[in-house]
Amino acid sequence: MTTKQLMKDPLNLIITGVGGQGNVMISLIIGNALVREGYFVTVGETYGASQRGGPVMSHLRISRETQYSPFIPNGCADIILGMEPVETLRMLGQYGNPDVLTIINPRPIYSIDVTGGSAEYPDLDKLVQTVKKLSAKTWVINATEEAQKMGSPMFANAILVGAVIGSGVLPLDKKVVEPVLRETFPKEIEANLSAFNKGIALVKQ
């Protein structure tokens, strides 16, 4: 078992993105690894119009002591993993606080309103700067871009899991997470392990 400790108990993690990004997959990998280490983990999922690229959010509440209710109170997130910039900012507005730590994948996913011309996507640089201002610490991880270099945007999930582990915000290490990855991606495990290691490296740059 890892010797790392929780920063606080309960530790509240939000994973946010849009439908189809793999939000639920990431929460399952992290949740399974934590349970194997003896933590109580409660997962709450909320879905917008996820089939149409609407918002998807996973709440993970992690404790050594007890099982907590699945949904994090407003203003009480400790860590936000944002798979899409606008959704990251939206979650910071609702669940953020001066101590929140944020990991953001800065690749926009445009809604139907934006692609149809009835709405405009915010300026990306300003959006990321606002995320940084609202967070105690921010890691900008170009997960989609790096995954495409590896041959498929699907590898962004493993990159982001690696970024979370490499950041040190969770009481998990590489040895604990690798077996969960092997079970989750049995057919493409070598590529996903490479992506996982890439995420660890990116967050430490």
C-alpha atoms as a PDB file:
ATOM      1  CA  MET A   1       0.000   0.000   0.000  1.00  0.00           C
ATOM      2  CA  THR A   2       1.108   3.533  -0.694  1.00  0.00           C
ATOM      3  CA  THR A   3       2.334   5.540   2.292  1.00  0.00           C
ATOM      4  CA  LYS A   4       0.892   8.802   0.968  1.00  0.00           C
ATOM      5  CA  GLN A   5      -1.793  10.482   3.055  1.00  0.00           C
ATOM      6  CA  LEU A   6      -4.919  12.450   2.169  1.00  0.00           C
ATOM      7  CA  MET A   7      -4.404  16.222   2.138  1.00  0.00           C
ATOM      8  CA  LYS A   8      -7.696  16.422   4.048  1.00  0.00           C
ATOM      9  CA  ASP A   9     -10.544  14.084   4.940  1.00  0.00           C
ATOM     10  CA  PRO A  10     -12.801  13.923   3.065  1.00  0.00           C
ATOM     11  CA  LEU A  11     -10.901  14.917  -0.061  1.00  0.00           C
ATOM     12  CA  ASN A  12     -13.280  16.203  -2.733  1.00  0.00           C
ATOM     13  CA  LEU A  13     -12.401  15.654  -6.406  1.00  0.00           C
ATOM     14  CA  ILE A  14     -14.501  16.805  -9.358  1.00  0.00           C
ATOM     15  CA  ILE A  15     -13.866  15.460 -12.860  1.00  0.00           C
ATOM     16  CA  THR A  16     -15.694  17.546 -15.447  1.00  0.00           C
ATOM     17  CA  GLY A  17     -16.044  17.457 -19.214  1.00  0.00           C
ATOM     18  CA  VAL A  18     -18.627  16.884 -21.908  1.00  0.00           C
ATOM     19  CA  GLY A  19     -20.342  13.722 -23.085  1.00  0.00           C
ATOM     20  CA  GLY A  20     -18.039  11.335 -24.910  1.00  0.00           C
ATOM     21  CA  GLN A  21     -14.751  12.563 -23.427  1.00  0.00           C
ATOM     22  CA  GLY A  22     -14.288   9.637 -21.050  1.00  0.00           C
ATOM     23  CA  ASN A  23     -15.154  11.445 -17.836  1.00  0.00           C
ATOM     24  CA  VAL A  24     -16.762   8.362 -16.262  1.00  0.00           C
ATOM     25  CA  MET A  25     -13.842   6.145 -17.315  1.00  0.00           C
ATOM     26  CA  ILE A  26     -11.365   8.375 -15.469  1.00  0.00           C
ATOM     27  CA  SER A  27     -13.504   8.407 -12.322  1.00  0.00           C
ATOM     28  CA  LEU A  28     -13.709   4.603 -12.387  1.00  0.00           C
ATOM     29  CA  ILE A  29      -9.929   4.175 -12.755  1.00  0.00           C
ATOM     30  CA  ILE A  30      -9.146   6.598  -9.927  1.00  0.00           C
ATOM     31  CA  GLY A  31     -11.971   5.277  -7.737  1.00  0.00           C
ATOM     32  CA  ASN A  32     -10.913   1.642  -8.181  1.00  0.00           C
ATOM     33  CA  ALA A  33      -7.291   2.463  -7.334  1.00  0.00           C
ATOM     34  CA  LEU A  34      -8.331   4.303  -4.171  1.00  0.00           C
ATOM     35  CA  VAL A  35     -10.610   1.462  -3.026  1.00  0.00           C
ATOM     36  CA  ARG A  36      -7.721  -0.990  -3.449  1.00  0.00           C
ATOM     37  CA  GLU A  37      -5.695   1.215  -1.130  1.00  0.00           C
ATOM     38  CA  GLY A  38      -8.351   0.941   1.545  1.00  0.00           C
ATOM     39  CA  TYR A  39     -10.119   4.275   1.090  1.00  0.00           C
ATOM     40  CA  PHE A  40     -13.846   4.865   1.221  1.00  0.00           C
ATOM     41  CA  VAL A  41     -14.842   6.383  -2.129  1.00  0.00           C
ATOM     42  CA  THR A  42     -18.292   7.721  -2.973  1.00  0.00           C
ATOM     43  CA  VAL A  43     -18.902   8.605  -6.617  1.00  0.00           C
ATOM     44  CA  GLY A  44     -21.746  10.805  -7.806  1.00  0.00           C
ATOM     45  CA  GLU A  45     -22.366  11.384 -11.507  1.00  0.00           C
ATOM     46  CA  THR A  46     -24.384  14.172 -13.110  1.00  0.00           C
ATOM     47  CA  TYR A  47     -25.194  14.328 -16.804  1.00  0.00           C
ATOM     48  CA  GLY A  48     -26.462  17.162 -18.962  1.00  0.00           C
ATOM     49  CA  ALA A  49     -27.467  16.366 -22.506  1.00  0.00           C
ATOM     50  CA  SER A  50     -24.408  14.114 -22.605  1.00  0.00           C
ATOM     51  CA  GLN A  51     -25.355  12.369 -25.836  1.00  0.00           C
ATOM     52  CA  ARG A  52     -25.232  15.768 -27.543  1.00  0.00           C
ATOM     53  CA  GLY A  53     -21.966  16.905 -26.023  1.00  0.00           C
ATOM     54  CA  GLY A  54     -23.552  18.301 -22.872  1.00  0.00           C
ATOM     55  CA  PRO A  55     -21.775  18.603 -19.530  1.00  0.00           C
ATOM     56  CA  VAL A  56     -20.824  15.507 -17.552  1.00  0.00           C
ATOM     57  CA  MET A  57     -19.463  15.703 -14.024  1.00  0.00           C
ATOM     58  CA  SER A  58     -18.180  13.112 -11.554  1.00  0.00           C
ATOM     59  CA  HIS A  59     -17.899  13.864  -7.826  1.00  0.00           C
ATOM     60  CA  LEU A  60     -15.439  11.674  -5.890  1.00  0.00           C
ATOM     61  CA  ARG A  61     -15.423  11.962  -2.108  1.00  0.00           C
ATOM     62  CA  ILE A  62     -12.441  10.164  -0.596  1.00  0.00           C
ATOM     63  CA  SER A  63     -11.999   9.275   3.064  1.00  0.00           C
ATOM     64  CA  ARG A  64     -10.010   6.978   5.352  1.00  0.00           C
ATOM     65  CA  GLU A  65     -12.772   7.053   7.936  1.00  0.00           C
ATOM     66  CA  THR A  66     -16.262   6.792   6.472  1.00  0.00           C
ATOM     67  CA  GLN A  67     -18.561   6.862   3.448  1.00  0.00           C
ATOM     68  CA  TYR A  68     -19.728  10.380   2.610  1.00  0.00           C
ATOM     69  CA  SER A  69     -22.770  11.475   0.613  1.00  0.00           C
ATOM     70  CA  PRO A  70     -22.008  11.433  -3.129  1.00  0.00           C
ATOM     71  CA  PHE A  71     -22.304  15.101  -3.987  1.00  0.00           C
ATOM     72  CA  ILE A  72     -19.784  17.750  -3.003  1.00  0.00           C
ATOM     73  CA  PRO A  73     -21.274  20.905  -1.426  1.00  0.00           C
ATOM     74  CA  ASN A  74     -20.879  24.182  -3.343  1.00  0.00           C
ATOM     75  CA  GLY A  75     -17.513  25.803  -2.739  1.00  0.00           C
ATOM     76  CA  CYS A  76     -15.973  22.625  -1.318  1.00  0.00           C
ATOM     77  CA  ALA A  77     -13.937  21.066  -4.164  1.00  0.00           C
ATOM     78  CA  ASP A  78     -10.299  20.363  -3.308  1.00  0.00           C
ATOM     79  CA  ILE A  79      -9.284  19.247  -6.805  1.00  0.00           C
ATOM     80  CA  ILE A  80     -10.926  19.888 -10.176  1.00  0.00           C
ATOM     81  CA  LEU A  81      -9.837  17.857 -13.195  1.00  0.00           C
ATOM     82  CA  GLY A  82     -11.215  19.744 -16.187  1.00  0.00           C
ATOM     83  CA  MET A  83     -11.316  17.913 -19.502  1.00  0.00           C
ATOM     84  CA  GLU A  84     -12.794  20.947 -21.311  1.00  0.00           C
ATOM     85  CA  PRO A  85     -12.012  24.636 -20.593  1.00  0.00           C
ATOM     86  CA  VAL A  86     -15.519  26.159 -20.314  1.00  0.00           C
ATOM     87  CA  GLU A  87     -16.706  23.272 -18.133  1.00  0.00           C
ATOM     88  CA  THR A  88     -13.623  23.693 -15.924  1.00  0.00           C
ATOM     89  CA  LEU A  89     -14.418  27.368 -15.380  1.00  0.00           C
ATOM     90  CA  ARG A  90     -18.080  26.582 -14.727  1.00  0.00           C
ATOM     91  CA  MET A  91     -17.141  24.070 -12.018  1.00  0.00           C
ATOM     92  CA  LEU A  92     -14.696  26.526 -10.429  1.00  0.00           C
ATOM     93  CA  GLY A  93     -17.506  29.076 -10.248  1.00  0.00           C
ATOM     94  CA  GLN A  94     -19.747  26.663  -8.367  1.00  0.00           C
ATOM     95  CA  TYR A  95     -17.376  24.443  -6.380  1.00  0.00           C
ATOM     96  CA  GLY A  96     -14.122  26.408  -6.234  1.00  0.00           C
ATOM     97  CA  ASN A  97     -12.507  28.170  -3.272  1.00  0.00           C
ATOM     98  CA  PRO A  98      -9.136  29.891  -2.683  1.00  0.00           C
ATOM     99  CA  ASP A  99      -7.395  26.548  -1.975  1.00  0.00           C
ATOM    100  CA  VAL A 100      -8.691  24.535  -4.934  1.00  0.00           C
ATOM    101  CA  LEU A 101      -6.154  22.791  -7.200  1.00  0.00           C
ATOM    102  CA  THR A 102      -7.013  22.569 -10.904  1.00  0.00           C
ATOM    103  CA  ILE A 103      -5.773  20.399 -13.755  1.00  0.00           C
ATOM    104  CA  ILE A 104      -7.081  21.619 -17.108  1.00  0.00           C
ATOM    105  CA  ASN A 105      -6.971  20.160 -20.618  1.00  0.00           C
ATOM    106  CA  PRO A 106      -7.149  23.354 -22.721  1.00  0.00           C
ATOM    107  CA  ARG A 107      -8.761  21.802 -25.825  1.00  0.00           C
ATOM    108  CA  PRO A 108     -12.217  23.317 -26.453  1.00  0.00           C
ATOM    109  CA  ILE A 109     -15.199  21.205 -27.474  1.00  0.00           C
ATOM    110  CA  TYR A 110     -17.734  23.406 -29.221  1.00  0.00           C
ATOM    111  CA  SER A 111     -21.417  23.070 -28.441  1.00  0.00           C
ATOM    112  CA  ILE A 112     -24.096  22.879 -31.123  1.00  0.00           C
ATOM    113  CA  ASP A 113     -24.904  26.549 -30.435  1.00  0.00           C
ATOM    114  CA  VAL A 114     -21.292  27.566 -31.126  1.00  0.00           C
ATOM    115  CA  THR A 115     -20.910  25.436 -34.258  1.00  0.00           C
ATOM    116  CA  GLY A 116     -24.303  26.682 -35.474  1.00  0.00           C
ATOM    117  CA  GLY A 117     -23.287  30.311 -35.029  1.00  0.00           C
ATOM    118  CA  SER A 118     -25.849  31.308 -32.372  1.00  0.00           C
ATOM    119  CA  ALA A 119     -23.243  31.486 -29.585  1.00  0.00           C
ATOM    120  CA  GLU A 120     -19.550  32.351 -29.366  1.00  0.00           C
ATOM    121  CA  TYR A 121     -16.875  30.369 -27.534  1.00  0.00           C
ATOM    122  CA  PRO A 122     -14.899  32.520 -25.048  1.00  0.00           C
ATOM    123  CA  ASP A 123     -11.335  33.564 -25.819  1.00  0.00           C
ATOM    124  CA  LEU A 124      -9.272  30.518 -24.834  1.00  0.00           C
ATOM    125  CA  ASP A 125      -6.255  32.387 -23.430  1.00  0.00           C
ATOM    126  CA  LYS A 126      -8.474  34.561 -21.238  1.00  0.00           C
ATOM    127  CA  LEU A 127     -10.414  31.484 -20.132  1.00  0.00           C
ATOM    128  CA  VAL A 128      -7.267  29.654 -19.014  1.00  0.00           C
ATOM    129  CA  GLN A 129      -5.954  32.783 -17.272  1.00  0.00           C
ATOM    130  CA  THR A 130      -9.246  33.074 -15.370  1.00  0.00           C
ATOM    131  CA  VAL A 131      -8.982  29.432 -14.299  1.00  0.00           C
ATOM    132  CA  LYS A 132      -5.483  30.163 -12.964  1.00  0.00           C
ATOM    133  CA  LYS A 133      -6.706  33.225 -11.047  1.00  0.00           C
ATOM    134  CA  LEU A 134      -9.477  31.204  -9.403  1.00  0.00           C
ATOM    135  CA  SER A 135      -7.168  28.336  -8.356  1.00  0.00           C
ATOM    136  CA  ALA A 136      -4.440  28.049  -5.732  1.00  0.00           C
ATOM    137  CA  LYS A 137      -2.450  26.072  -8.314  1.00  0.00           C
ATOM    138  CA  THR A 138      -3.167  25.134 -11.928  1.00  0.00           C
ATOM    139  CA  TRP A 139      -1.559  22.559 -14.186  1.00  0.00           C
ATOM    140  CA  VAL A 140      -2.290  23.056 -17.909  1.00  0.00           C
ATOM    141  CA  ILE A 141      -2.010  19.628 -19.567  1.00  0.00           C
ATOM    142  CA  ASN A 142      -2.410  19.457 -23.347  1.00  0.00           C
ATOM    143  CA  ALA A 143      -3.841  15.943 -23.129  1.00  0.00           C
ATOM    144  CA  THR A 144      -5.800  15.910 -26.400  1.00  0.00           C
ATOM    145  CA  GLU A 145      -2.873  17.318 -28.371  1.00  0.00           C
ATOM    146  CA  GLU A 146      -0.430  14.789 -26.899  1.00  0.00           C
ATOM    147  CA  ALA A 147      -2.897  11.920 -27.423  1.00  0.00           C
ATOM    148  CA  GLN A 148      -3.262  12.818 -31.094  1.00  0.00           C
ATOM    149  CA  LYS A 149       0.531  12.689 -31.450  1.00  0.00           C
ATOM    150  CA  MET A 150       0.292   9.125 -30.085  1.00  0.00           C
ATOM    151  CA  GLY A 151      -2.252   8.210 -32.751  1.00  0.00           C
ATOM    152  CA  SER A 152      -5.645   8.607 -31.078  1.00  0.00           C
ATOM    153  CA  PRO A 153      -7.435  11.249 -28.982  1.00  0.00           C
ATOM    154  CA  MET A 154      -8.690   8.346 -26.842  1.00  0.00           C
ATOM    155  CA  PHE A 155      -5.301   8.252 -25.088  1.00  0.00           C
ATOM    156  CA  ALA A 156      -6.130  11.624 -23.482  1.00  0.00           C
ATOM    157  CA  ASN A 157      -7.895   9.756 -20.658  1.00  0.00           C
ATOM    158  CA  ALA A 158      -4.761   7.878 -19.606  1.00  0.00           C
ATOM    159  CA  ILE A 159      -2.694  11.073 -19.973  1.00  0.00           C
ATOM    160  CA  LEU A 160      -5.041  12.905 -17.601  1.00  0.00           C
ATOM    161  CA  VAL A 161      -4.999  10.029 -15.099  1.00  0.00           C
ATOM    162  CA  GLY A 162      -1.198  10.245 -15.207  1.00  0.00           C
ATOM    163  CA  ALA A 163      -1.347  14.005 -14.651  1.00  0.00           C
ATOM    164  CA  VAL A 164      -3.523  13.566 -11.553  1.00  0.00           C
ATOM    165  CA  ILE A 165      -1.170  10.922 -10.137  1.00  0.00           C
ATOM    166  CA  GLY A 166       1.967  12.883 -11.045  1.00  0.00           C
ATOM    167  CA  SER A 167       0.632  16.053  -9.412  1.00  0.00           C
ATOM    168  CA  GLY A 168       0.655  14.329  -6.022  1.00  0.00           C
ATOM    169  CA  VAL A 169      -2.815  15.588  -5.074  1.00  0.00           C
ATOM    170  CA  LEU A 170      -4.117  12.052  -4.440  1.00  0.00           C
ATOM    171  CA  PRO A 171      -2.703   9.379  -2.093  1.00  0.00           C
ATOM    172  CA  LEU A 172      -1.877   7.151  -5.093  1.00  0.00           C
ATOM    173  CA  ASP A 173       1.266   6.294  -6.987  1.00  0.00           C
ATOM    174  CA  LYS A 174       2.172   4.670 -10.270  1.00  0.00           C
ATOM    175  CA  LYS A 175       2.442   1.134  -8.843  1.00  0.00           C
ATOM    176  CA  VAL A 176      -1.133   1.270  -7.529  1.00  0.00           C
ATOM    177  CA  VAL A 177      -2.723   2.658 -10.707  1.00  0.00           C
ATOM    178  CA  GLU A 178      -0.952   0.502 -13.325  1.00  0.00           C
ATOM    179  CA  PRO A 179      -2.856  -2.734 -12.478  1.00  0.00           C
ATOM    180  CA  VAL A 180      -6.169  -0.852 -12.769  1.00  0.00           C
ATOM    181  CA  LEU A 181      -5.108   0.470 -16.184  1.00  0.00           C
ATOM    182  CA  ARG A 182      -4.200  -3.057 -17.302  1.00  0.00           C
ATOM    183  CA  GLU A 183      -7.687  -4.269 -16.394  1.00  0.00           C
ATOM    184  CA  THR A 184      -9.400  -1.251 -17.968  1.00  0.00           C
ATOM    185  CA  PHE A 185      -7.506  -1.274 -21.299  1.00  0.00           C
ATOM    186  CA  PRO A 186      -6.456  -4.919 -21.831  1.00  0.00           C
ATOM    187  CA  LYS A 187      -6.269  -4.642 -25.639  1.00  0.00           C
ATOM    188  CA  GLU A 188      -4.218  -1.436 -25.840  1.00  0.00           C
ATOM    189  CA  ILE A 189      -2.392  -1.559 -22.554  1.00  0.00           C
ATOM    190  CA  GLU A 190       1.100  -0.629 -23.780  1.00  0.00           C
ATOM    191  CA  ALA A 191      -0.138   2.500 -25.546  1.00  0.00           C
ATOM    192  CA  ASN A 192      -2.247   3.491 -22.537  1.00  0.00           C
ATOM    193  CA  LEU A 193       0.650   2.913 -20.144  1.00  0.00           C
ATOM    194  CA  SER A 194       2.783   5.158 -22.363  1.00  0.00           C
ATOM    195  CA  ALA A 195       0.038   7.774 -22.248  1.00  0.00           C
ATOM    196  CA  PHE A 196      -0.208   7.438 -18.451  1.00  0.00           C
ATOM    197  CA  ASN A 197       3.556   7.952 -18.109  1.00  0.00           C
ATOM    198  CA  LYS A 198       3.333  10.931 -20.491  1.00  0.00           C
ATOM    199  CA  GLY A 199       0.765  12.531 -18.175  1.00  0.00           C
ATOM    200  CA  ILE A 200       3.048  12.051 -15.170  1.00  0.00           C
ATOM    201  CA  ALA A 201       5.910  13.670 -17.098  1.00  0.00           C
ATOM    202  CA  LEU A 202       3.776  16.603 -18.350  1.00  0.00           C
ATOM    203  CA  VAL A 203       2.561  17.600 -14.899  1.00  0.00           C
ATOM    204  CA  LYS A 204       6.145  17.682 -13.602  1.00  0.00           C
ATOM    205  CA  GLN A 205       7.460  19.967 -16.332  1.00  0.00           C
END
